[in-house]
Structures are given as structure tokens and as C-alpha cells.
Amino acid sequence: MAASDLVEYVAKSLVDDPDAVKVEVVQDQGGTVIELHVAEDDMGKVIGRNGSVAKALRTLLKVTAARDGEPVSLEILD
């Protein structure tokens, strides 16, 4: 499973409006950036209390990045 697919699956499972979830993959000098777009009302669900959900998503991405050998970062946008 690609990292972007993993992020999309987890995000759609968390939010109230899964149709508003959009994942874009952007390549830059530092590696791959996954941009997660969600509805404004769902930002809290994706970020979590004190950023706990976002931190867990980033940890999952580090594991998949280590397997693939390419650095991956996550940006959560509305």
C-alpha cells in the first residue's frame, strides 16, 4: 500500500465527510510531501487532541518511508 493510500484510508475513517478528503503527493528537494485536504469541520478529528492523531499518522509514514527508502512528510490542510 502506498503511503498516500494509507493516509487517505485513515483520514476517511476518521472524518464525518469522507468525500471531502483529498490527498495530493508533491515531490520536492527533501523528498515526498503528502498534502491531506479535509473539510474545515473535520480538522480537529484529523489533528486530534494535542496533535496525537497527526503524530500517529506521521509515525506511520516514517515506517513506510523507511521501508521505501525515501523521506515522506505530511501536511494537513483545509
N, C-alpha and C. Protein backbone atom coordinates (compact mmCIF):
# COMPACT_ATOMS: atom_id res chain seq x y z
N MET A 1 0.85 -1.18 0.00
CA MET A 1 0.00 0.00 0.00
C MET A 1 0.89 1.24 0.00
N ALA A 2 0.63 2.15 -0.90
CA ALA A 2 1.41 3.37 -0.98
C ALA A 2 1.09 4.27 0.22
N ALA A 3 2.04 5.11 0.58
CA ALA A 3 1.87 5.99 1.73
C ALA A 3 0.65 6.89 1.57
N SER A 4 0.43 7.41 0.38
CA SER A 4 -0.71 8.30 0.16
C SER A 4 -2.03 7.55 0.32
N ASP A 5 -2.07 6.30 -0.12
CA ASP A 5 -3.28 5.49 0.06
C ASP A 5 -3.56 5.23 1.53
N LEU A 6 -2.51 5.00 2.29
CA LEU A 6 -2.64 4.77 3.72
C LEU A 6 -3.21 6.01 4.42
N VAL A 7 -2.66 7.17 4.10
CA VAL A 7 -3.15 8.42 4.69
C VAL A 7 -4.60 8.66 4.33
N GLU A 8 -4.95 8.42 3.07
CA GLU A 8 -6.33 8.63 2.63
C GLU A 8 -7.28 7.69 3.35
N TYR A 9 -6.91 6.43 3.48
CA TYR A 9 -7.75 5.45 4.15
C TYR A 9 -8.00 5.83 5.62
N VAL A 10 -6.93 6.19 6.32
CA VAL A 10 -7.07 6.55 7.74
C VAL A 10 -7.90 7.81 7.88
N ALA A 11 -7.64 8.82 7.05
CA ALA A 11 -8.37 10.08 7.14
C ALA A 11 -9.87 9.87 6.87
N LYS A 12 -10.19 9.09 5.84
CA LYS A 12 -11.60 8.85 5.54
C LYS A 12 -12.30 8.09 6.66
N SER A 13 -11.55 7.29 7.39
CA SER A 13 -12.13 6.55 8.52
C SER A 13 -12.42 7.46 9.70
N LEU A 14 -11.69 8.58 9.80
CA LEU A 14 -11.82 9.46 10.96
C LEU A 14 -12.86 10.56 10.80
N VAL A 15 -13.06 11.05 9.60
CA VAL A 15 -13.85 12.27 9.40
C VAL A 15 -15.33 11.99 9.21
N ASP A 16 -16.14 13.05 9.35
CA ASP A 16 -17.58 12.96 9.13
C ASP A 16 -17.92 13.07 7.65
N ASP A 17 -17.06 13.75 6.87
CA ASP A 17 -17.30 13.97 5.45
C ASP A 17 -16.17 13.34 4.62
N PRO A 18 -16.21 12.02 4.42
CA PRO A 18 -15.12 11.35 3.70
C PRO A 18 -15.00 11.79 2.24
N ASP A 19 -16.07 12.32 1.65
CA ASP A 19 -15.99 12.78 0.27
C ASP A 19 -15.12 14.02 0.12
N ALA A 20 -14.92 14.76 1.21
CA ALA A 20 -14.11 15.98 1.16
C ALA A 20 -12.62 15.69 1.32
N VAL A 21 -12.27 14.44 1.64
CA VAL A 21 -10.86 14.08 1.83
C VAL A 21 -10.18 13.99 0.47
N LYS A 22 -9.05 14.70 0.34
CA LYS A 22 -8.29 14.67 -0.90
C LYS A 22 -6.81 14.60 -0.52
N VAL A 23 -6.08 13.73 -1.18
CA VAL A 23 -4.65 13.55 -0.92
C VAL A 23 -3.87 13.89 -2.18
N GLU A 24 -2.89 14.77 -2.03
CA GLU A 24 -2.03 15.13 -3.14
C GLU A 24 -0.59 14.80 -2.76
N VAL A 25 0.16 14.27 -3.72
CA VAL A 25 1.56 13.94 -3.50
C VAL A 25 2.42 14.93 -4.27
N VAL A 26 3.31 15.61 -3.55
CA VAL A 26 4.17 16.62 -4.15
C VAL A 26 5.62 16.22 -3.91
N GLN A 27 6.42 16.24 -4.96
CA GLN A 27 7.85 15.93 -4.84
C GLN A 27 8.61 17.24 -4.65
N ASP A 28 9.53 17.27 -3.70
CA ASP A 28 10.42 18.43 -3.55
C ASP A 28 11.82 17.95 -3.21
N GLN A 29 12.72 18.89 -2.93
CA GLN A 29 14.12 18.54 -2.69
C GLN A 29 14.28 17.61 -1.48
N GLY A 30 13.44 17.78 -0.48
CA GLY A 30 13.57 16.99 0.74
C GLY A 30 12.89 15.64 0.67
N GLY A 31 12.29 15.30 -0.46
CA GLY A 31 11.60 14.03 -0.58
C GLY A 31 10.16 14.23 -1.02
N THR A 32 9.28 13.43 -0.49
CA THR A 32 7.87 13.47 -0.86
C THR A 32 7.06 14.17 0.23
N VAL A 33 6.16 15.04 -0.18
CA VAL A 33 5.25 15.70 0.75
C VAL A 33 3.84 15.23 0.41
N ILE A 34 3.15 14.69 1.39
CA ILE A 34 1.76 14.28 1.20
C ILE A 34 0.88 15.36 1.81
N GLU A 35 0.06 15.98 0.97
CA GLU A 35 -0.85 17.02 1.42
C GLU A 35 -2.23 16.41 1.61
N LEU A 36 -2.72 16.47 2.83
CA LEU A 36 -4.04 15.93 3.16
C LEU A 36 -5.01 17.09 3.31
N HIS A 37 -6.02 17.13 2.44
CA HIS A 37 -7.05 18.16 2.49
C HIS A 37 -8.32 17.55 3.06
N VAL A 38 -8.86 18.19 4.10
CA VAL A 38 -10.12 17.73 4.71
C VAL A 38 -11.04 18.93 4.88
N ALA A 39 -12.31 18.65 5.14
CA ALA A 39 -13.27 19.72 5.40
C ALA A 39 -12.85 20.46 6.67
N GLU A 40 -13.15 21.75 6.71
CA GLU A 40 -12.74 22.58 7.85
C GLU A 40 -13.30 22.04 9.16
N ASP A 41 -14.52 21.50 9.12
CA ASP A 41 -15.14 20.97 10.34
C ASP A 41 -14.46 19.69 10.83
N ASP A 42 -13.73 19.02 9.97
CA ASP A 42 -13.07 17.75 10.33
C ASP A 42 -11.61 17.91 10.72
N MET A 43 -11.09 19.14 10.69
CA MET A 43 -9.67 19.36 11.02
C MET A 43 -9.34 18.82 12.42
N GLY A 44 -10.20 19.06 13.38
CA GLY A 44 -9.94 18.62 14.75
C GLY A 44 -9.86 17.11 14.86
N LYS A 45 -10.67 16.41 14.08
CA LYS A 45 -10.65 14.94 14.13
C LYS A 45 -9.35 14.38 13.55
N VAL A 46 -8.84 15.04 12.52
CA VAL A 46 -7.62 14.54 11.87
C VAL A 46 -6.38 14.92 12.68
N ILE A 47 -6.42 16.08 13.32
CA ILE A 47 -5.27 16.51 14.12
C ILE A 47 -5.29 15.83 15.49
N GLY A 48 -6.44 15.73 16.10
CA GLY A 48 -6.58 15.07 17.39
C GLY A 48 -6.21 15.97 18.54
N ARG A 49 -6.46 15.50 19.73
CA ARG A 49 -6.15 16.27 20.94
C ARG A 49 -4.64 16.38 21.09
N ASN A 50 -4.16 17.61 21.18
CA ASN A 50 -2.73 17.89 21.28
C ASN A 50 -1.93 17.30 20.11
N GLY A 51 -2.59 17.12 18.97
CA GLY A 51 -1.89 16.62 17.78
C GLY A 51 -1.62 15.13 17.79
N SER A 52 -2.30 14.39 18.63
CA SER A 52 -1.99 12.96 18.79
C SER A 52 -2.29 12.15 17.52
N VAL A 53 -3.40 12.43 16.84
CA VAL A 53 -3.73 11.68 15.63
C VAL A 53 -2.75 12.03 14.52
N ALA A 54 -2.45 13.32 14.36
CA ALA A 54 -1.49 13.74 13.34
C ALA A 54 -0.12 13.12 13.60
N LYS A 55 0.27 13.06 14.86
CA LYS A 55 1.56 12.47 15.21
C LYS A 55 1.57 10.98 14.86
N ALA A 56 0.46 10.29 15.10
CA ALA A 56 0.37 8.87 14.78
C ALA A 56 0.44 8.65 13.27
N LEU A 57 -0.23 9.52 12.49
CA LEU A 57 -0.16 9.43 11.03
C LEU A 57 1.27 9.64 10.54
N ARG A 58 1.96 10.61 11.13
CA ARG A 58 3.34 10.87 10.73
C ARG A 58 4.26 9.69 11.08
N THR A 59 3.98 9.03 12.21
CA THR A 59 4.75 7.86 12.59
C THR A 59 4.55 6.72 11.59
N LEU A 60 3.30 6.51 11.17
CA LEU A 60 3.03 5.50 10.14
C LEU A 60 3.77 5.82 8.85
N LEU A 61 3.81 7.10 8.50
CA LEU A 61 4.52 7.50 7.28
C LEU A 61 6.02 7.25 7.40
N LYS A 62 6.58 7.47 8.59
CA LYS A 62 8.02 7.21 8.79
C LYS A 62 8.32 5.74 8.57
N VAL A 63 7.43 4.87 9.02
CA VAL A 63 7.64 3.43 8.86
C VAL A 63 7.59 3.06 7.38
N THR A 64 6.60 3.57 6.65
CA THR A 64 6.53 3.25 5.23
C THR A 64 7.68 3.88 4.46
N ALA A 65 8.13 5.06 4.89
CA ALA A 65 9.26 5.73 4.23
C ALA A 65 10.55 4.95 4.46
N ALA A 66 10.71 4.42 5.65
CA ALA A 66 11.91 3.62 5.94
C ALA A 66 11.94 2.37 5.08
N ARG A 67 10.78 1.80 4.86
CA ARG A 67 10.69 0.62 4.00
C ARG A 67 11.02 0.96 2.56
N ASP A 68 10.54 2.13 2.10
CA ASP A 68 10.75 2.54 0.71
C ASP A 68 12.07 3.27 0.51
N GLY A 69 12.68 3.74 1.59
CA GLY A 69 13.96 4.42 1.49
C GLY A 69 13.89 5.86 1.01
N GLU A 70 12.71 6.48 1.12
CA GLU A 70 12.55 7.87 0.69
C GLU A 70 11.84 8.65 1.79
N PRO A 71 12.35 9.83 2.15
CA PRO A 71 11.70 10.61 3.20
C PRO A 71 10.32 11.11 2.76
N VAL A 72 9.36 11.00 3.69
CA VAL A 72 7.98 11.42 3.42
C VAL A 72 7.53 12.29 4.58
N SER A 73 6.86 13.41 4.25
CA SER A 73 6.30 14.25 5.29
C SER A 73 4.81 14.47 5.00
N LEU A 74 4.07 14.88 6.04
CA LEU A 74 2.62 15.05 5.93
C LEU A 74 2.26 16.47 6.29
N GLU A 75 1.43 17.09 5.44
CA GLU A 75 0.86 18.41 5.73
C GLU A 75 -0.63 18.25 5.72
N ILE A 76 -1.29 18.76 6.78
CA ILE A 76 -2.74 18.68 6.89
C ILE A 76 -3.30 20.06 6.59
N LEU A 77 -4.13 20.14 5.55
CA LEU A 77 -4.67 21.41 5.09
C LEU A 77 -6.19 21.34 5.03
N ASP A 78 -6.83 22.51 5.06
CA ASP A 78 -8.29 22.50 4.91
C ASP A 78 -8.68 23.00 3.54
